[in-house]
Amino acid sequence: MNYIKGDMPAIPMPDKKFTFVHVKDVVDGIKLAIEKGQPKESYLFGAYVKTIGEMFDMLEKLTGIPKPKRTSGKMMLKTYAVLQEIKAAFTGKKPFIDRVAARFLADGGFVVDSSKAEKQLGWKPMPFEEAMKDTVKWFMEIYGS
């Protein structure tokens, strides 16, 4: 939301890898698991392993909004989260990022392997660019341009 509003000072942890997936793909995966899945089996639905920087490259391409030129590392991100929480305490507004989310982003990462779902269920996610287009469209409808 902040990126679309042009209010994002830096790309946090641009080399950090995460698994992105469109909610429609998750719903399709759950339906397939119900229809074709084996009892007591579990399936992960994660479509694209991308860096945060790659996600912002795609956002810039789709929206025409320039991505932030600056990046932030772990310490800057964690400090920004603390400042956001302090600001939220005074304004009553939800912080853009809190310490829990900053810690997860800075120290974690989330990469899943969905090959089991692809092989056993025939699950196939939509292309990354299509998923991002749909997500951007939704954000624009909700938050405006």
N, C-alpha and C. Protein backbone atom coordinates (compact mmCIF):
# COMPACT_ATOMS: atom_id res chain seq x y z
N MET A 1 0.83 -1.18 0.00
CA MET A 1 0.00 0.00 0.00
C MET A 1 0.87 1.25 0.00
N ASN A 2 1.87 1.31 0.87
CA ASN A 2 2.73 2.48 0.91
C ASN A 2 3.47 2.68 -0.41
N TYR A 3 3.88 1.59 -1.03
CA TYR A 3 4.58 1.70 -2.32
C TYR A 3 3.66 2.33 -3.37
N ILE A 4 2.43 1.86 -3.45
CA ILE A 4 1.49 2.37 -4.44
C ILE A 4 1.18 3.83 -4.19
N LYS A 5 1.19 4.24 -2.94
CA LYS A 5 0.95 5.65 -2.60
C LYS A 5 2.22 6.49 -2.76
N GLY A 6 3.33 5.86 -3.15
CA GLY A 6 4.58 6.58 -3.33
C GLY A 6 5.24 6.97 -2.02
N ASP A 7 4.93 6.23 -0.97
CA ASP A 7 5.42 6.56 0.37
C ASP A 7 6.27 5.43 0.94
N MET A 8 7.25 5.03 0.18
CA MET A 8 8.13 3.96 0.65
C MET A 8 9.57 4.44 0.47
N PRO A 9 10.26 4.71 1.58
CA PRO A 9 11.59 5.31 1.47
C PRO A 9 12.69 4.37 0.97
N ALA A 10 12.52 3.06 1.19
CA ALA A 10 13.58 2.12 0.82
C ALA A 10 12.99 0.73 0.61
N ILE A 11 13.70 -0.08 -0.14
CA ILE A 11 13.33 -1.48 -0.31
C ILE A 11 14.00 -2.25 0.83
N PRO A 12 13.20 -2.88 1.68
CA PRO A 12 13.81 -3.61 2.79
C PRO A 12 14.39 -4.95 2.35
N MET A 13 15.60 -5.21 2.74
CA MET A 13 16.23 -6.52 2.52
C MET A 13 16.04 -7.01 1.07
N PRO A 14 16.52 -6.28 0.07
CA PRO A 14 16.21 -6.61 -1.32
C PRO A 14 16.71 -7.98 -1.80
N ASP A 15 17.68 -8.56 -1.11
CA ASP A 15 18.19 -9.87 -1.53
C ASP A 15 17.56 -11.04 -0.78
N LYS A 16 16.68 -10.74 0.14
CA LYS A 16 16.02 -11.77 0.94
C LYS A 16 15.00 -12.50 0.08
N LYS A 17 15.04 -13.84 0.13
CA LYS A 17 14.14 -14.66 -0.68
C LYS A 17 12.90 -15.06 0.12
N PHE A 18 11.77 -14.98 -0.57
CA PHE A 18 10.50 -15.41 -0.01
C PHE A 18 9.74 -16.17 -1.08
N THR A 19 8.78 -16.94 -0.64
CA THR A 19 7.88 -17.61 -1.56
C THR A 19 6.61 -16.78 -1.65
N PHE A 20 6.25 -16.40 -2.84
CA PHE A 20 5.04 -15.64 -3.08
C PHE A 20 4.03 -16.56 -3.75
N VAL A 21 2.75 -16.36 -3.45
CA VAL A 21 1.70 -17.16 -4.07
C VAL A 21 0.42 -16.33 -4.08
N HIS A 22 -0.33 -16.43 -5.15
CA HIS A 22 -1.60 -15.73 -5.26
C HIS A 22 -2.67 -16.50 -4.49
N VAL A 23 -3.54 -15.78 -3.83
CA VAL A 23 -4.57 -16.44 -3.03
C VAL A 23 -5.44 -17.37 -3.88
N LYS A 24 -5.69 -17.02 -5.14
CA LYS A 24 -6.48 -17.90 -6.01
C LYS A 24 -5.78 -19.23 -6.22
N ASP A 25 -4.46 -19.20 -6.30
CA ASP A 25 -3.70 -20.44 -6.46
C ASP A 25 -3.79 -21.30 -5.20
N VAL A 26 -3.79 -20.66 -4.05
CA VAL A 26 -3.94 -21.41 -2.79
C VAL A 26 -5.32 -22.07 -2.74
N VAL A 27 -6.34 -21.32 -3.11
CA VAL A 27 -7.71 -21.88 -3.12
C VAL A 27 -7.78 -23.06 -4.09
N ASP A 28 -7.21 -22.91 -5.28
CA ASP A 28 -7.20 -24.02 -6.24
C ASP A 28 -6.46 -25.23 -5.66
N GLY A 29 -5.36 -24.97 -4.96
CA GLY A 29 -4.60 -26.06 -4.35
C GLY A 29 -5.40 -26.78 -3.27
N ILE A 30 -6.12 -26.03 -2.46
CA ILE A 30 -6.94 -26.66 -1.42
C ILE A 30 -8.04 -27.52 -2.05
N LYS A 31 -8.66 -27.01 -3.10
CA LYS A 31 -9.69 -27.79 -3.80
C LYS A 31 -9.09 -29.10 -4.34
N LEU A 32 -7.92 -28.99 -4.95
CA LEU A 32 -7.27 -30.20 -5.49
C LEU A 32 -6.90 -31.17 -4.37
N ALA A 33 -6.46 -30.65 -3.24
CA ALA A 33 -6.11 -31.53 -2.11
C ALA A 33 -7.35 -32.27 -1.61
N ILE A 34 -8.49 -31.60 -1.59
CA ILE A 34 -9.73 -32.24 -1.17
C ILE A 34 -10.14 -33.31 -2.18
N GLU A 35 -10.01 -33.00 -3.46
CA GLU A 35 -10.44 -33.93 -4.51
C GLU A 35 -9.46 -35.08 -4.73
N LYS A 36 -8.16 -34.78 -4.75
CA LYS A 36 -7.16 -35.77 -5.16
C LYS A 36 -6.15 -36.17 -4.08
N GLY A 37 -6.13 -35.42 -3.00
CA GLY A 37 -5.12 -35.65 -1.98
C GLY A 37 -5.35 -36.95 -1.22
N GLN A 38 -4.27 -37.46 -0.68
CA GLN A 38 -4.31 -38.70 0.09
C GLN A 38 -4.53 -38.37 1.57
N PRO A 39 -5.27 -39.23 2.29
CA PRO A 39 -5.48 -39.01 3.72
C PRO A 39 -4.13 -38.90 4.45
N LYS A 40 -4.09 -38.03 5.42
CA LYS A 40 -2.93 -37.79 6.29
C LYS A 40 -1.72 -37.18 5.55
N GLU A 41 -1.91 -36.76 4.33
CA GLU A 41 -0.85 -36.08 3.59
C GLU A 41 -1.05 -34.57 3.73
N SER A 42 0.03 -33.83 3.61
CA SER A 42 -0.06 -32.37 3.61
C SER A 42 0.63 -31.84 2.36
N TYR A 43 0.18 -30.68 1.93
CA TYR A 43 0.68 -30.08 0.70
C TYR A 43 0.99 -28.61 0.93
N LEU A 44 2.08 -28.15 0.36
CA LEU A 44 2.46 -26.74 0.45
C LEU A 44 2.19 -26.09 -0.90
N PHE A 45 1.64 -24.89 -0.87
CA PHE A 45 1.34 -24.16 -2.09
C PHE A 45 2.11 -22.84 -2.08
N GLY A 46 3.26 -22.87 -2.69
CA GLY A 46 4.09 -21.68 -2.82
C GLY A 46 4.56 -21.59 -4.25
N ALA A 47 4.19 -20.55 -4.93
CA ALA A 47 4.38 -20.52 -6.38
C ALA A 47 5.74 -20.03 -6.85
N TYR A 48 6.23 -18.94 -6.30
CA TYR A 48 7.42 -18.32 -6.87
C TYR A 48 8.40 -17.95 -5.76
N VAL A 49 9.60 -18.42 -5.86
CA VAL A 49 10.66 -17.99 -4.95
C VAL A 49 11.34 -16.80 -5.62
N LYS A 50 11.17 -15.66 -4.99
CA LYS A 50 11.70 -14.40 -5.53
C LYS A 50 12.34 -13.60 -4.41
N THR A 51 13.27 -12.76 -4.78
CA THR A 51 13.80 -11.83 -3.79
C THR A 51 12.82 -10.66 -3.68
N ILE A 52 12.95 -9.95 -2.58
CA ILE A 52 12.11 -8.76 -2.42
C ILE A 52 12.44 -7.75 -3.51
N GLY A 53 13.70 -7.67 -3.90
CA GLY A 53 14.10 -6.79 -4.99
C GLY A 53 13.42 -7.15 -6.30
N GLU A 54 13.32 -8.45 -6.60
CA GLU A 54 12.63 -8.88 -7.82
C GLU A 54 11.15 -8.53 -7.78
N MET A 55 10.56 -8.63 -6.59
CA MET A 55 9.16 -8.26 -6.46
C MET A 55 8.98 -6.77 -6.76
N PHE A 56 9.88 -5.93 -6.26
CA PHE A 56 9.78 -4.50 -6.53
C PHE A 56 10.07 -4.18 -8.00
N ASP A 57 10.95 -4.94 -8.64
CA ASP A 57 11.17 -4.75 -10.08
C ASP A 57 9.86 -4.98 -10.84
N MET A 58 9.13 -6.03 -10.46
CA MET A 58 7.86 -6.33 -11.12
C MET A 58 6.82 -5.26 -10.81
N LEU A 59 6.77 -4.81 -9.57
CA LEU A 59 5.82 -3.76 -9.21
C LEU A 59 6.07 -2.49 -10.02
N GLU A 60 7.34 -2.13 -10.18
CA GLU A 60 7.68 -0.95 -10.97
C GLU A 60 7.23 -1.13 -12.41
N LYS A 61 7.47 -2.30 -12.97
CA LYS A 61 7.08 -2.60 -14.35
C LYS A 61 5.55 -2.50 -14.53
N LEU A 62 4.81 -3.01 -13.58
CA LEU A 62 3.35 -3.07 -13.70
C LEU A 62 2.66 -1.74 -13.39
N THR A 63 3.22 -0.98 -12.46
CA THR A 63 2.54 0.25 -12.03
C THR A 63 3.09 1.51 -12.68
N GLY A 64 4.34 1.44 -13.13
CA GLY A 64 4.98 2.65 -13.62
C GLY A 64 5.48 3.53 -12.49
N ILE A 65 5.26 3.10 -11.25
CA ILE A 65 5.73 3.85 -10.09
C ILE A 65 7.18 3.46 -9.83
N PRO A 66 8.09 4.42 -9.85
CA PRO A 66 9.50 4.06 -9.62
C PRO A 66 9.70 3.41 -8.25
N LYS A 67 10.46 2.34 -8.25
CA LYS A 67 10.77 1.70 -6.97
C LYS A 67 11.75 2.58 -6.21
N PRO A 68 11.77 2.45 -4.90
CA PRO A 68 12.74 3.24 -4.13
C PRO A 68 14.16 2.96 -4.58
N LYS A 69 14.96 3.98 -4.61
CA LYS A 69 16.36 3.83 -5.02
C LYS A 69 17.22 3.31 -3.88
N ARG A 70 16.81 3.58 -2.64
CA ARG A 70 17.56 3.14 -1.48
C ARG A 70 17.10 1.75 -1.03
N THR A 71 17.98 1.09 -0.34
CA THR A 71 17.64 -0.19 0.28
C THR A 71 17.97 -0.10 1.76
N SER A 72 17.40 -1.01 2.52
CA SER A 72 17.72 -1.01 3.95
C SER A 72 18.13 -2.41 4.37
N GLY A 73 19.04 -2.45 5.31
CA GLY A 73 19.49 -3.70 5.87
C GLY A 73 18.74 -4.02 7.15
N LYS A 74 19.22 -5.03 7.83
CA LYS A 74 18.55 -5.52 9.04
C LYS A 74 18.40 -4.46 10.11
N MET A 75 19.48 -3.80 10.47
CA MET A 75 19.43 -2.87 11.59
C MET A 75 18.52 -1.68 11.27
N MET A 76 18.61 -1.17 10.06
CA MET A 76 17.76 -0.04 9.67
C MET A 76 16.28 -0.45 9.70
N LEU A 77 15.99 -1.63 9.21
CA LEU A 77 14.61 -2.12 9.20
C LEU A 77 14.06 -2.27 10.62
N LYS A 78 14.86 -2.85 11.50
CA LYS A 78 14.41 -3.05 12.88
C LYS A 78 14.23 -1.70 13.60
N THR A 79 15.13 -0.76 13.35
CA THR A 79 15.01 0.57 13.94
C THR A 79 13.76 1.29 13.42
N TYR A 80 13.53 1.18 12.13
CA TYR A 80 12.34 1.79 11.51
C TYR A 80 11.07 1.23 12.14
N ALA A 81 11.05 -0.07 12.41
CA ALA A 81 9.87 -0.69 13.02
C ALA A 81 9.62 -0.13 14.42
N VAL A 82 10.67 0.06 15.20
CA VAL A 82 10.51 0.64 16.54
C VAL A 82 9.94 2.06 16.42
N LEU A 83 10.49 2.84 15.49
CA LEU A 83 10.00 4.21 15.29
C LEU A 83 8.54 4.21 14.84
N GLN A 84 8.18 3.25 13.99
CA GLN A 84 6.78 3.14 13.55
C GLN A 84 5.85 2.82 14.73
N GLU A 85 6.30 1.97 15.63
CA GLU A 85 5.48 1.64 16.80
C GLU A 85 5.32 2.85 17.73
N ILE A 86 6.38 3.62 17.88
CA ILE A 86 6.29 4.84 18.71
C ILE A 86 5.31 5.82 18.08
N LYS A 87 5.44 6.01 16.78
CA LYS A 87 4.52 6.90 16.06
C LYS A 87 3.08 6.42 16.22
N ALA A 88 2.87 5.12 16.12
CA ALA A 88 1.52 4.55 16.25
C ALA A 88 0.94 4.80 17.64
N ALA A 89 1.79 4.77 18.65
CA ALA A 89 1.32 5.02 20.02
C ALA A 89 0.78 6.44 20.17
N PHE A 90 1.34 7.37 19.43
CA PHE A 90 0.88 8.76 19.51
C PHE A 90 -0.29 9.05 18.57
N THR A 91 -0.30 8.41 17.40
CA THR A 91 -1.34 8.73 16.41
C THR A 91 -2.55 7.81 16.49
N GLY A 92 -2.37 6.64 17.10
CA GLY A 92 -3.46 5.67 17.15
C GLY A 92 -3.62 4.89 15.86
N LYS A 93 -2.75 5.15 14.88
CA LYS A 93 -2.79 4.43 13.61
C LYS A 93 -1.87 3.22 13.67
N LYS A 94 -2.23 2.21 12.91
CA LYS A 94 -1.42 1.00 12.85
C LYS A 94 -0.07 1.30 12.22
N PRO A 95 1.02 0.76 12.78
CA PRO A 95 2.34 1.02 12.18
C PRO A 95 2.47 0.32 10.83
N PHE A 96 3.26 0.94 9.96
CA PHE A 96 3.52 0.33 8.64
C PHE A 96 4.17 -1.03 8.81
N ILE A 97 5.08 -1.13 9.77
CA ILE A 97 5.72 -2.40 10.10
C ILE A 97 6.01 -2.39 11.61
N ASP A 98 5.80 -3.53 12.24
CA ASP A 98 6.11 -3.61 13.67
C ASP A 98 7.36 -4.46 13.88
N ARG A 99 7.80 -4.56 15.15
CA ARG A 99 9.05 -5.28 15.43
C ARG A 99 8.97 -6.76 15.07
N VAL A 100 7.81 -7.37 15.26
CA VAL A 100 7.67 -8.80 14.94
C VAL A 100 7.86 -9.02 13.43
N ALA A 101 7.16 -8.21 12.63
CA ALA A 101 7.29 -8.34 11.18
C ALA A 101 8.71 -8.02 10.71
N ALA A 102 9.30 -7.00 11.30
CA ALA A 102 10.68 -6.62 10.92
C ALA A 102 11.65 -7.74 11.26
N ARG A 103 11.48 -8.35 12.42
CA ARG A 103 12.37 -9.45 12.81
C ARG A 103 12.23 -10.62 11.84
N PHE A 104 10.98 -10.95 11.48
CA PHE A 104 10.75 -12.04 10.53
C PHE A 104 11.41 -11.73 9.19
N LEU A 105 11.21 -10.52 8.71
CA LEU A 105 11.77 -10.13 7.42
C LEU A 105 13.29 -10.10 7.46
N ALA A 106 13.85 -9.54 8.52
CA ALA A 106 15.30 -9.38 8.61
C ALA A 106 16.03 -10.69 8.92
N ASP A 107 15.47 -11.48 9.81
CA ASP A 107 16.18 -12.67 10.27
C ASP A 107 15.69 -13.96 9.64
N GLY A 108 14.54 -13.89 9.03
CA GLY A 108 13.93 -15.11 8.51
C GLY A 108 13.99 -15.20 7.01
N GLY A 109 12.88 -15.39 6.46
CA GLY A 109 12.72 -15.68 5.06
C GLY A 109 11.77 -16.86 5.02
N PHE A 110 11.14 -17.03 3.93
CA PHE A 110 10.15 -18.10 3.88
C PHE A 110 10.15 -18.67 2.48
N VAL A 111 10.73 -19.84 2.34
CA VAL A 111 10.80 -20.50 1.04
C VAL A 111 10.22 -21.90 1.21
N VAL A 112 9.23 -22.21 0.40
CA VAL A 112 8.62 -23.53 0.46
C VAL A 112 8.77 -24.24 -0.88
N ASP A 113 8.69 -25.55 -0.81
CA ASP A 113 8.78 -26.41 -1.99
C ASP A 113 7.40 -27.01 -2.24
N SER A 114 6.77 -26.63 -3.33
CA SER A 114 5.43 -27.12 -3.63
C SER A 114 5.45 -28.22 -4.70
N SER A 115 6.61 -28.82 -4.95
CA SER A 115 6.69 -29.84 -6.01
C SER A 115 5.80 -31.04 -5.72
N LYS A 116 5.60 -31.37 -4.45
CA LYS A 116 4.72 -32.49 -4.10
C LYS A 116 3.29 -32.20 -4.56
N ALA A 117 2.82 -30.99 -4.33
CA ALA A 117 1.47 -30.60 -4.76
C ALA A 117 1.37 -30.60 -6.28
N GLU A 118 2.44 -30.17 -6.93
CA GLU A 118 2.44 -30.13 -8.39
C GLU A 118 2.38 -31.56 -8.96
N LYS A 119 3.19 -32.45 -8.40
CA LYS A 119 3.26 -33.83 -8.90
C LYS A 119 2.02 -34.65 -8.54
N GLN A 120 1.64 -34.63 -7.27
CA GLN A 120 0.56 -35.50 -6.81
C GLN A 120 -0.84 -34.97 -7.10
N LEU A 121 -0.98 -33.65 -7.12
CA LEU A 121 -2.31 -33.07 -7.31
C LEU A 121 -2.51 -32.44 -8.68
N GLY A 122 -1.42 -32.21 -9.40
CA GLY A 122 -1.52 -31.52 -10.68
C GLY A 122 -1.68 -30.01 -10.51
N TRP A 123 -1.28 -29.50 -9.34
CA TRP A 123 -1.42 -28.07 -9.05
C TRP A 123 -0.46 -27.27 -9.90
N LYS A 124 -0.96 -26.21 -10.51
CA LYS A 124 -0.11 -25.35 -11.34
C LYS A 124 -0.51 -23.89 -11.09
N PRO A 125 0.37 -23.12 -10.48
CA PRO A 125 0.04 -21.71 -10.22
C PRO A 125 0.10 -20.87 -11.48
N MET A 126 -0.60 -19.76 -11.43
CA MET A 126 -0.55 -18.82 -12.54
C MET A 126 0.85 -18.21 -12.64
N PRO A 127 1.22 -17.68 -13.80
CA PRO A 127 2.53 -17.04 -13.94
C PRO A 127 2.70 -15.87 -12.97
N PHE A 128 3.93 -15.64 -12.54
CA PHE A 128 4.24 -14.60 -11.56
C PHE A 128 3.70 -13.24 -11.99
N GLU A 129 3.95 -12.85 -13.24
CA GLU A 129 3.50 -11.53 -13.68
C GLU A 129 1.98 -11.41 -13.63
N GLU A 130 1.28 -12.45 -14.00
CA GLU A 130 -0.19 -12.43 -13.93
C GLU A 130 -0.67 -12.29 -12.48
N ALA A 131 -0.04 -13.02 -11.59
CA ALA A 131 -0.40 -12.94 -10.17
C ALA A 131 -0.14 -11.53 -9.63
N MET A 132 0.98 -10.95 -9.99
CA MET A 132 1.30 -9.61 -9.53
C MET A 132 0.34 -8.57 -10.13
N LYS A 133 -0.01 -8.73 -11.42
CA LYS A 133 -0.98 -7.81 -12.04
C LYS A 133 -2.29 -7.82 -11.27
N ASP A 134 -2.78 -9.01 -10.96
CA ASP A 134 -4.04 -9.14 -10.24
C ASP A 134 -3.94 -8.53 -8.84
N THR A 135 -2.83 -8.74 -8.19
CA THR A 135 -2.62 -8.19 -6.85
C THR A 135 -2.56 -6.66 -6.90
N VAL A 136 -1.84 -6.11 -7.85
CA VAL A 136 -1.75 -4.66 -8.01
C VAL A 136 -3.14 -4.08 -8.29
N LYS A 137 -3.89 -4.73 -9.16
CA LYS A 137 -5.25 -4.28 -9.48
C LYS A 137 -6.10 -4.22 -8.21
N TRP A 138 -6.00 -5.26 -7.39
CA TRP A 138 -6.77 -5.31 -6.15
C TRP A 138 -6.35 -4.17 -5.22
N PHE A 139 -5.04 -3.96 -5.06
CA PHE A 139 -4.58 -2.87 -4.20
C PHE A 139 -5.05 -1.52 -4.72
N MET A 140 -5.02 -1.31 -6.02
CA MET A 140 -5.47 -0.05 -6.59
C MET A 140 -6.96 0.17 -6.33
N GLU A 141 -7.75 -0.91 -6.44
CA GLU A 141 -9.19 -0.80 -6.17
C GLU A 141 -9.45 -0.46 -4.70
N ILE A 142 -8.70 -1.06 -3.82
CA ILE A 142 -8.90 -0.87 -2.38
C ILE A 142 -8.33 0.47 -1.90
N TYR A 143 -7.11 0.77 -2.32
CA TYR A 143 -6.41 1.93 -1.77
C TYR A 143 -6.30 3.11 -2.72
N GLY A 144 -6.73 2.94 -3.96
CA GLY A 144 -6.64 4.03 -4.92
C GLY A 144 -5.25 4.18 -5.49
N SER A 145 -5.15 4.99 -6.50
CA SER A 145 -3.84 5.18 -7.15
C SER A 145 -3.18 6.44 -6.69
